[in-house]
Amino acid sequence: MRLKLEDLRKRRADRPTGYYEDVVSRGVVDGDTLTLPDDVYRALCLRYRVSLPPHGPRLDQLMTDYDESLAAYRERGERAVTATACMMRLKTCRACDLWTEPGEDGYGQCGDVRRSCARLRLWSERTRCLRGKWL
């Protein structure tokens, strides 16, 4: 994995003290680029990740790059449906009278009163439509 040192410096403010030095010490610096082995990069991502939204990525993130937007959730053991299945779920929800398109928070919402949380995790294998329109 190749990272720009400038990008790492920008993230310093959002990370714990020593973040930059720790990350740089685990790779090879060539000019303004840091090269890390993939396994080291993944371990550092887990170590320094910011807390993830509990509902998963926003719909616009899923539609832009499905696999990348779910990578951190999968690393935590979450199981996701295929991108095709997720988009079919979204298409079905958009045709439903209880669906509300994403607002400022970026999450679409199901208006079914039986849901403890209105934000649907359309990507999750565990999520089911309470009306039985999709599994």
Foldseek 3Di string as FASTA:
>chain_A
DKDFLVVVVVCVVVWDPPLSVVVQVQFDDDPRMTDHPPVVVVVSCVVTPDDADPLFDFPVVCVVPVCVSCVVVVVVPFDWDDSVQLVVVVVVLVVDPQWDQDDPVRFIFGNPPVDPDGGHSSGGPPDADPVRPGD
